[in-house]
Amino acid sequence: MIVIGVSSGTSADGIDVAAARIDLEDGGAVVRLTPLGFGTTPYSASLREAVRAALPPAATTMEAVCRLDTRIGQEFAAAALRGIEEFAGGRADLVASHGQTLYHWADGATVHGTLQLGQPAWIAEATGLPVVSDLRAADVAAGGQGAPLASTLDLLMLGGRAEPTAALNLGGIANVTVVREGLPPRAFDTGPANALIDAAARLVTGGRADLDADGAIARTGRPDPVLLEHLLAEPYYRFPVPRTTGLELFGPGYLEAALRDTSRARDGGRPSDGDLLATLVELTAVTVADALEPFGVTEVLASGGGTRNPVLMERLAARLAPARLDSSERIGLDGDAKEAYLFALIGFLSWHGLAGSVPDCTGARRAPVAGRLTPGTAPLRLPAPSPVPPRRLYVEAPGG
């Protein structure tokens, strides 16, 4: 099948679209994924503003939720249609849409619900294709965290390695998947990756910049010990795994509260711009390294937007040593595109009656088939369920 994966992360800056040819081989035991293309379509300025205005801890209305669900669905539909034309030669079989997370209902270490908006009927109408959406809710209903779903792809790609290895995704929130031979895998959110760094960039630039491009501001400063100690006291870092989090905790208000709480130590002021960004970079590096330390990993393969911040990557490499830090591109998958390909894979698995999450990694009681299915314009004909779950995934170069 040719599957289109569409998603938007916690930064809400655009829609990632990936096209992949995905096949089941060896009686279903092997998945072969051939990337066909990837791109990002920015949200319209008005929708981006509306999404950010509705993110926690902001109050909202059911009218706003309805408008967001519709407009996100429409912009996802347009992005998916462009992806089909540009990357798949105008032909695809299925769309898998993660949508835009607006709320992840976590109470301590327990997740009660999760909400992704982006009405799939608009995607099905625009493309004519069936759409698998709402990819996290089944795992939550089965007692899981609904995340990190990246573990579904990570385990298929990294399984069988002799040395303990971690896959690290640096989005708004950092998550890891740990693979160890002979031991159950583990996956969880370590804490903020870009979420607080981006909030600080908006703060110090008066909203002119959404991120610290190339870590330029952070490189001018040093971590502020008072603020860093305060941030590291966050109880989340001591919750048992699996655990998940989001902007409900680590949003802009969290940073503002931390700066207020530590202002007395500097006579009511805040750290310099460079020191503030350097502190938040160090927070991400420390919390990722501390979270992985008990597992004795020897290699960490990173992906996500945070890999484009050289200061963050330098601090991660220093904190993770002697473990090696490398990019997921070393094993054949574009780090920026990884999540969109992940959702394409989960949609493909759901189409074949296969689970889209891993109970050892999400905490679910069982491994449910992910998502709900919106038919396209043609009659819906599902294949017979695959008889066995896949054990390996191979990424193959187009034409390879």
Protein backbone atom coordinates (compact mmCIF):
# COMPACT_ATOMS: atom_id res chain seq x y z
CA MET A 1 0.00 0.00 0.00
CA ILE A 2 0.95 3.64 -0.41
CA VAL A 3 0.08 5.37 2.85
CA ILE A 4 0.09 9.10 3.60
CA GLY A 5 0.92 10.04 7.19
CA VAL A 6 -0.11 13.51 8.38
CA SER A 7 0.54 15.05 11.79
CA SER A 8 1.28 18.21 13.73
CA GLY A 9 3.29 18.34 16.93
CA THR A 10 2.94 20.34 20.12
CA SER A 11 4.65 23.34 18.54
CA ALA A 12 1.62 23.68 16.24
CA ASP A 13 3.72 25.30 13.55
CA GLY A 14 2.65 23.17 10.61
CA ILE A 15 1.48 19.90 9.14
CA ASP A 16 4.03 17.18 8.43
CA VAL A 17 3.17 14.96 5.46
CA ALA A 18 5.01 11.75 4.59
CA ALA A 19 4.28 9.25 1.82
CA ALA A 20 5.48 5.67 2.10
CA ARG A 21 5.08 2.40 0.30
CA ILE A 22 4.58 -0.23 3.00
CA ASP A 23 4.55 -3.99 2.49
CA LEU A 24 4.14 -7.04 4.72
CA GLU A 25 6.58 -9.85 3.93
CA ASP A 26 7.53 -13.27 5.29
CA GLY A 27 3.96 -14.10 6.19
CA GLY A 28 3.51 -10.77 7.99
CA ALA A 29 6.60 -11.04 10.19
CA VAL A 30 8.47 -8.26 8.34
CA VAL A 31 7.35 -4.76 7.43
CA ARG A 32 9.22 -3.03 4.61
CA LEU A 33 8.82 0.75 4.45
CA THR A 34 10.01 2.72 1.44
CA PRO A 35 9.93 6.51 2.02
CA LEU A 36 8.54 8.32 -1.02
CA GLY A 37 8.71 11.91 0.20
CA PHE A 38 8.24 14.26 3.11
CA GLY A 39 7.37 17.93 3.57
CA THR A 40 5.87 20.39 6.02
CA THR A 41 2.98 22.71 5.21
CA PRO A 42 2.69 25.67 7.58
CA TYR A 43 -0.66 26.28 9.22
CA SER A 44 -2.39 29.41 8.02
CA ALA A 45 -1.49 32.26 10.36
CA SER A 46 -5.03 32.58 11.69
CA LEU A 47 -5.37 28.85 12.43
CA ARG A 48 -1.99 28.67 14.07
CA GLU A 49 -2.97 31.57 16.34
CA ALA A 50 -6.31 29.91 17.13
CA VAL A 51 -4.67 26.58 18.00
CA ARG A 52 -2.15 28.21 20.30
CA ALA A 53 -4.86 30.29 21.93
CA ALA A 54 -6.77 27.11 22.81
CA LEU A 55 -3.83 25.14 24.21
CA PRO A 56 -3.70 24.53 27.97
CA PRO A 57 -3.96 26.26 30.34
CA ALA A 58 -6.14 28.60 28.25
CA ALA A 59 -9.90 28.47 28.62
CA THR A 60 -11.93 27.73 25.50
CA THR A 61 -15.51 27.16 24.32
CA MET A 62 -17.30 24.40 22.45
CA GLU A 63 -17.70 26.84 19.56
CA ALA A 64 -13.91 27.21 19.41
CA VAL A 65 -13.45 23.43 19.58
CA CYS A 66 -15.89 22.92 16.69
CA ARG A 67 -14.19 25.60 14.60
CA LEU A 68 -10.74 24.16 15.33
CA ASP A 69 -11.82 20.60 14.53
CA THR A 70 -13.19 21.76 11.19
CA ARG A 71 -10.36 24.09 10.19
CA ILE A 72 -7.60 21.67 11.21
CA GLY A 73 -9.37 18.93 9.24
CA GLN A 74 -9.59 21.18 6.18
CA GLU A 75 -5.92 22.20 6.30
CA PHE A 76 -4.85 18.59 6.92
CA ALA A 77 -6.95 17.61 3.89
CA ALA A 78 -5.23 20.15 1.65
CA ALA A 79 -1.79 19.10 2.93
CA ALA A 80 -2.55 15.40 2.39
CA LEU A 81 -3.78 16.07 -1.14
CA ARG A 82 -0.58 17.96 -1.98
CA GLY A 83 1.46 15.11 -0.51
CA ILE A 84 -0.30 12.58 -2.71
CA GLU A 85 0.40 14.65 -5.80
CA GLU A 86 4.00 15.58 -4.97
CA PHE A 87 5.31 12.40 -3.37
CA ALA A 88 3.11 9.55 -4.61
CA GLY A 89 2.47 10.45 -8.23
CA GLY A 90 -1.17 11.25 -7.55
CA ARG A 91 -2.07 7.80 -6.21
CA ALA A 92 -2.34 6.48 -2.66
CA ASP A 93 -4.40 3.90 -0.81
CA LEU A 94 -4.81 5.22 2.73
CA VAL A 95 -4.32 8.33 4.87
CA ALA A 96 -3.32 8.08 8.53
CA SER A 97 -3.96 11.31 10.41
CA HIS A 98 -2.73 11.99 13.92
CA GLY A 99 -4.38 15.40 13.99
CA GLN A 100 -3.41 18.16 16.40
CA THR A 101 -3.26 17.34 20.11
CA LEU A 102 -5.23 19.94 22.05
CA TYR A 103 -5.37 18.17 25.42
CA HIS A 104 -3.75 15.16 27.06
CA TRP A 105 -5.64 14.42 30.29
CA ALA A 106 -2.92 13.17 32.61
CA ASP A 107 -3.41 13.04 36.36
CA GLY A 108 -0.04 12.27 37.88
CA ALA A 109 1.10 9.01 36.30
CA THR A 110 -2.40 8.13 35.03
CA VAL A 111 -3.88 9.20 31.69
CA HIS A 112 -7.68 9.41 31.55
CA GLY A 113 -8.13 10.70 28.02
CA THR A 114 -6.54 12.44 25.07
CA LEU A 115 -7.95 14.79 22.44
CA GLN A 116 -6.63 15.25 18.91
CA LEU A 117 -8.61 17.54 16.60
CA GLY A 118 -8.78 17.55 12.81
CA GLN A 119 -12.07 16.15 11.49
CA PRO A 120 -11.09 13.21 9.22
CA ALA A 121 -14.21 13.52 7.05
CA TRP A 122 -12.62 16.55 5.37
CA ILE A 123 -9.52 14.49 4.52
CA ALA A 124 -11.60 11.61 3.17
CA GLU A 125 -13.70 13.98 1.06
CA ALA A 126 -10.71 15.81 -0.39
CA THR A 127 -8.61 12.75 -1.18
CA GLY A 128 -11.31 10.15 -1.79
CA LEU A 129 -9.32 7.79 0.45
CA PRO A 130 -10.17 6.03 3.70
CA VAL A 131 -8.66 7.73 6.74
CA VAL A 132 -7.44 6.16 9.97
CA SER A 133 -7.49 8.78 12.73
CA ASP A 134 -7.76 9.15 16.53
CA LEU A 135 -4.70 6.94 16.93
CA ARG A 136 -4.17 7.24 20.70
CA ALA A 137 -7.60 6.75 22.29
CA ALA A 138 -7.77 2.94 22.05
CA ASP A 139 -4.55 2.58 24.01
CA VAL A 140 -5.86 4.93 26.73
CA ALA A 141 -9.13 2.99 26.89
CA ALA A 142 -7.07 -0.18 27.41
CA GLY A 143 -5.39 1.39 30.43
CA GLY A 144 -2.36 2.85 28.65
CA GLN A 145 -0.84 6.29 28.44
CA GLY A 146 -1.66 6.67 24.74
CA ALA A 147 2.03 7.48 24.28
CA PRO A 148 4.79 7.31 23.30
CA LEU A 149 3.46 5.72 20.11
CA ALA A 150 6.95 6.13 18.63
CA SER A 151 7.82 2.90 20.44
CA THR A 152 5.76 0.99 17.83
CA LEU A 153 8.22 1.98 15.11
CA ASP A 154 11.30 2.07 17.36
CA LEU A 155 10.96 -1.53 18.52
CA LEU A 156 10.50 -2.84 15.00
CA MET A 157 13.59 -0.95 13.84
CA LEU A 158 15.88 -1.53 16.83
CA GLY A 159 14.83 -4.97 18.03
CA GLY A 160 17.55 -7.60 18.05
CA ARG A 161 20.42 -5.26 18.92
CA ALA A 162 22.96 -6.80 21.25
CA GLU A 163 23.66 -3.56 23.15
CA PRO A 164 21.02 -1.52 25.02
CA THR A 165 19.91 1.22 22.63
CA ALA A 166 17.54 4.17 22.98
CA ALA A 167 15.58 6.07 20.37
CA LEU A 168 15.10 9.69 21.44
CA ASN A 169 12.56 12.06 19.90
CA LEU A 170 13.02 15.76 20.61
CA GLY A 171 9.72 17.42 19.85
CA GLY A 172 7.94 19.79 22.20
CA ILE A 173 8.21 16.95 24.69
CA ALA A 174 11.13 14.49 24.71
CA ASN A 175 10.34 10.79 24.62
CA VAL A 176 12.54 7.72 24.60
CA THR A 177 12.22 4.06 23.68
CA VAL A 178 14.74 1.71 25.27
CA VAL A 179 15.47 -1.67 23.67
CA ARG A 180 17.45 -4.27 25.64
CA GLU A 181 18.03 -7.84 24.53
CA GLY A 182 16.25 -10.32 26.77
CA LEU A 183 14.41 -7.61 28.72
CA PRO A 184 11.06 -5.89 28.15
CA PRO A 185 11.26 -2.63 26.21
CA ARG A 186 10.48 0.64 27.95
CA ALA A 187 9.18 3.93 26.53
CA PHE A 188 8.10 7.18 28.19
CA ASP A 189 8.20 10.96 28.02
CA THR A 190 11.27 12.25 29.84
CA GLY A 191 9.98 15.84 30.08
CA PRO A 192 10.24 19.01 27.98
CA ALA A 193 12.47 19.11 24.90
CA ASN A 194 11.62 22.19 22.86
CA ALA A 195 8.45 23.28 24.70
CA LEU A 196 10.09 25.47 27.34
CA ILE A 197 12.97 26.53 25.05
CA ASP A 198 10.46 27.81 22.49
CA ALA A 199 8.39 29.53 25.19
CA ALA A 200 11.54 31.29 26.38
CA ALA A 201 12.45 32.34 22.83
CA ARG A 202 9.03 33.95 22.44
CA LEU A 203 9.45 35.63 25.84
CA VAL A 204 12.87 37.15 25.21
CA THR A 205 12.02 38.31 21.68
CA GLY A 206 8.61 39.71 22.56
CA GLY A 207 6.94 37.07 20.41
CA ARG A 208 9.00 37.84 17.30
CA ALA A 209 10.66 34.41 17.29
CA ASP A 210 9.11 31.04 18.02
CA LEU A 211 12.43 29.29 18.58
CA ASP A 212 16.09 29.92 19.29
CA ALA A 213 17.36 29.40 15.75
CA ASP A 214 20.53 27.30 15.80
CA GLY A 215 20.75 27.78 19.58
CA ALA A 216 22.23 31.23 18.96
CA ILE A 217 20.82 32.83 22.12
CA ALA A 218 21.60 29.84 24.35
CA ARG A 219 25.20 29.82 23.19
CA THR A 220 25.72 33.31 24.62
CA GLY A 221 24.81 32.26 28.17
CA ARG A 222 25.38 29.76 30.95
CA PRO A 223 22.83 27.77 32.97
CA ASP A 224 21.44 29.68 35.93
CA PRO A 225 21.95 27.38 38.95
CA VAL A 226 18.99 28.70 40.96
CA LEU A 227 16.49 28.33 38.12
CA LEU A 228 17.88 24.96 37.04
CA GLU A 229 17.65 23.55 40.57
CA HIS A 230 14.08 24.81 40.85
CA LEU A 231 13.07 23.23 37.55
CA LEU A 232 14.71 19.90 38.37
CA ALA A 233 12.60 19.67 41.54
CA GLU A 234 9.54 19.02 39.35
CA PRO A 235 7.79 15.85 40.69
CA TYR A 236 7.09 14.55 37.17
CA TYR A 237 10.69 13.43 36.77
CA ARG A 238 10.24 10.96 39.63
CA PHE A 239 7.00 9.36 38.40
CA PRO A 240 7.36 5.65 37.55
CA VAL A 241 7.50 4.66 33.90
CA PRO A 242 5.63 4.53 31.64
CA ARG A 243 4.68 8.18 32.02
CA THR A 244 3.55 10.88 29.60
CA THR A 245 3.14 14.61 29.73
CA GLY A 246 2.48 17.63 27.54
CA LEU A 247 1.83 21.35 27.44
CA GLU A 248 -0.81 20.83 30.14
CA LEU A 249 2.19 20.75 32.48
CA PHE A 250 5.16 22.13 30.55
CA GLY A 251 3.47 25.04 28.79
CA PRO A 252 4.42 28.75 28.78
CA GLY A 253 2.68 29.26 32.13
CA TYR A 254 5.04 26.75 33.71
CA LEU A 255 8.05 28.81 32.70
CA GLU A 256 6.45 32.06 33.87
CA ALA A 257 5.68 30.52 37.28
CA ALA A 258 9.25 29.22 37.63
CA LEU A 259 10.65 32.65 36.86
CA ARG A 260 8.33 34.25 39.45
CA ASP A 261 9.24 31.65 42.07
CA THR A 262 12.98 32.22 41.64
CA SER A 263 12.92 36.00 41.16
CA ARG A 264 13.75 36.77 44.79
CA ALA A 265 17.17 35.18 44.37
CA ARG A 266 18.02 37.93 41.83
CA ASP A 267 16.18 40.88 43.36
CA GLY A 268 13.05 40.49 41.33
CA GLY A 269 14.72 40.06 37.96
CA ARG A 270 15.16 37.07 35.68
CA PRO A 271 18.27 35.56 34.12
CA SER A 272 19.72 37.22 31.04
CA ASP A 273 18.31 36.04 27.71
CA GLY A 274 21.34 33.83 27.07
CA ASP A 275 21.34 32.37 30.58
CA LEU A 276 17.60 31.63 30.40
CA LEU A 277 17.89 29.72 27.12
CA ALA A 278 21.06 27.95 28.28
CA THR A 279 19.24 26.87 31.46
CA LEU A 280 16.35 25.33 29.53
CA VAL A 281 18.70 23.57 27.12
CA GLU A 282 20.50 22.12 30.14
CA LEU A 283 17.19 21.07 31.69
CA THR A 284 16.37 18.99 28.62
CA ALA A 285 19.86 17.46 28.50
CA VAL A 286 19.90 16.60 32.22
CA THR A 287 16.39 15.10 32.33
CA VAL A 288 16.97 12.97 29.23
CA ALA A 289 20.32 11.70 30.53
CA ASP A 290 18.96 11.05 34.03
CA ALA A 291 15.97 9.15 32.60
CA LEU A 292 18.22 6.89 30.50
CA GLU A 293 20.94 6.34 33.11
CA PRO A 294 19.25 3.33 34.82
CA PHE A 295 19.08 1.44 31.52
CA GLY A 296 22.79 1.53 30.73
CA VAL A 297 22.27 2.39 27.06
CA THR A 298 25.36 2.51 24.88
CA GLU A 299 23.81 4.37 21.93
CA VAL A 300 21.07 7.01 21.57
CA LEU A 301 19.54 7.72 18.15
CA ALA A 302 17.89 11.14 18.09
CA SER A 303 15.17 12.58 15.87
CA GLY A 304 12.78 15.53 15.91
CA GLY A 305 13.09 19.28 15.70
CA GLY A 306 15.46 19.49 18.67
CA THR A 307 18.21 17.82 16.64
CA ARG A 308 18.51 21.08 14.66
CA ASN A 309 19.61 22.92 17.81
CA PRO A 310 23.39 22.34 17.93
CA VAL A 311 23.71 23.63 21.51
CA LEU A 312 21.11 21.14 22.70
CA MET A 313 22.83 18.30 20.84
CA GLU A 314 26.20 19.27 22.34
CA ARG A 315 24.81 19.29 25.86
CA LEU A 316 23.00 16.00 25.29
CA ALA A 317 26.19 14.37 24.01
CA ALA A 318 28.09 15.59 27.08
CA ARG A 319 25.42 14.45 29.53
CA LEU A 320 24.84 11.07 27.85
CA ALA A 321 28.54 10.14 27.62
CA PRO A 322 29.90 7.50 27.46
CA ALA A 323 26.80 6.53 25.47
CA ARG A 324 27.06 7.60 21.82
CA LEU A 325 24.61 10.17 20.49
CA ASP A 326 23.73 9.87 16.81
CA SER A 327 20.87 10.66 14.42
CA SER A 328 18.08 8.29 13.41
CA GLU A 329 19.20 9.01 9.85
CA ARG A 330 22.02 6.56 10.45
CA ILE A 331 19.47 3.74 10.30
CA GLY A 332 17.75 5.15 7.23
CA LEU A 333 14.96 7.39 8.55
CA ASP A 334 14.89 11.18 8.24
CA GLY A 335 14.70 12.51 11.78
CA ASP A 336 12.35 15.35 10.84
CA ALA A 337 10.00 12.93 9.07
CA LYS A 338 10.03 10.14 11.63
CA GLU A 339 6.71 10.95 13.32
CA ALA A 340 4.81 11.30 10.04
CA TYR A 341 6.19 7.93 8.90
CA LEU A 342 5.28 6.50 12.31
CA PHE A 343 1.64 7.45 11.84
CA ALA A 344 1.66 6.09 8.29
CA LEU A 345 2.91 2.81 9.76
CA ILE A 346 0.25 2.76 12.50
CA GLY A 347 -2.46 3.43 9.93
CA PHE A 348 -1.14 0.56 7.82
CA LEU A 349 -1.12 -1.76 10.85
CA SER A 350 -4.70 -0.81 11.73
CA TRP A 351 -5.80 -1.50 8.14
CA HIS A 352 -4.42 -5.03 8.54
CA GLY A 353 -5.98 -5.61 11.96
CA LEU A 354 -2.68 -5.24 13.82
CA ALA A 355 -2.00 -3.42 17.07
CA GLY A 356 -0.66 0.12 16.92
CA SER A 357 0.88 0.33 20.38
CA VAL A 358 3.08 -1.76 22.67
CA PRO A 359 1.72 -2.51 26.18
CA ASP A 360 5.21 -2.76 27.71
CA CYS A 361 5.78 0.81 26.55
CA THR A 362 2.41 2.47 27.13
CA GLY A 363 1.21 0.51 30.18
CA ALA A 364 -1.94 -0.79 28.47
CA ARG A 365 -3.53 -4.08 29.53
CA ARG A 366 -3.50 -5.32 25.94
CA ALA A 367 -2.35 -4.24 22.49
CA PRO A 368 -5.39 -2.71 20.73
CA VAL A 369 -5.82 -1.93 17.06
CA ALA A 370 -5.46 1.85 16.86
CA GLY A 371 -7.84 4.46 15.56
CA ARG A 372 -11.19 4.84 13.89
CA LEU A 373 -11.81 4.51 10.19
CA THR A 374 -13.55 7.06 7.96
CA PRO A 375 -14.45 5.63 4.53
CA GLY A 376 -13.41 7.40 1.36
CA THR A 377 -15.55 7.81 -1.72
CA ALA A 378 -15.24 4.14 -2.76
CA PRO A 379 -16.81 1.19 -0.94
CA LEU A 380 -14.74 0.15 2.05
CA ARG A 381 -13.03 -3.21 1.62
CA LEU A 382 -10.60 -4.21 4.35
CA PRO A 383 -8.12 -7.04 3.80
CA ALA A 384 -8.16 -10.17 5.91
CA PRO A 385 -6.31 -9.48 9.18
CA SER A 386 -2.63 -10.38 9.11
CA PRO A 387 -2.11 -13.71 10.91
CA VAL A 388 0.98 -12.61 12.89
CA PRO A 389 2.28 -9.32 14.29
CA PRO A 390 5.43 -8.04 12.59
CA ARG A 391 8.78 -8.50 14.36
CA ARG A 392 11.05 -6.31 12.21
CA LEU A 393 10.83 -3.20 10.07
CA TYR A 394 13.28 -2.43 7.29
CA VAL A 395 13.57 1.00 5.70
CA GLU A 396 14.44 0.75 2.03
CA ALA A 397 15.61 3.54 -0.25
CA PRO A 398 13.20 4.24 -3.15
CA GLY A 399 14.14 1.98 -6.04
CA GLY A 400 16.46 0.02 -3.72
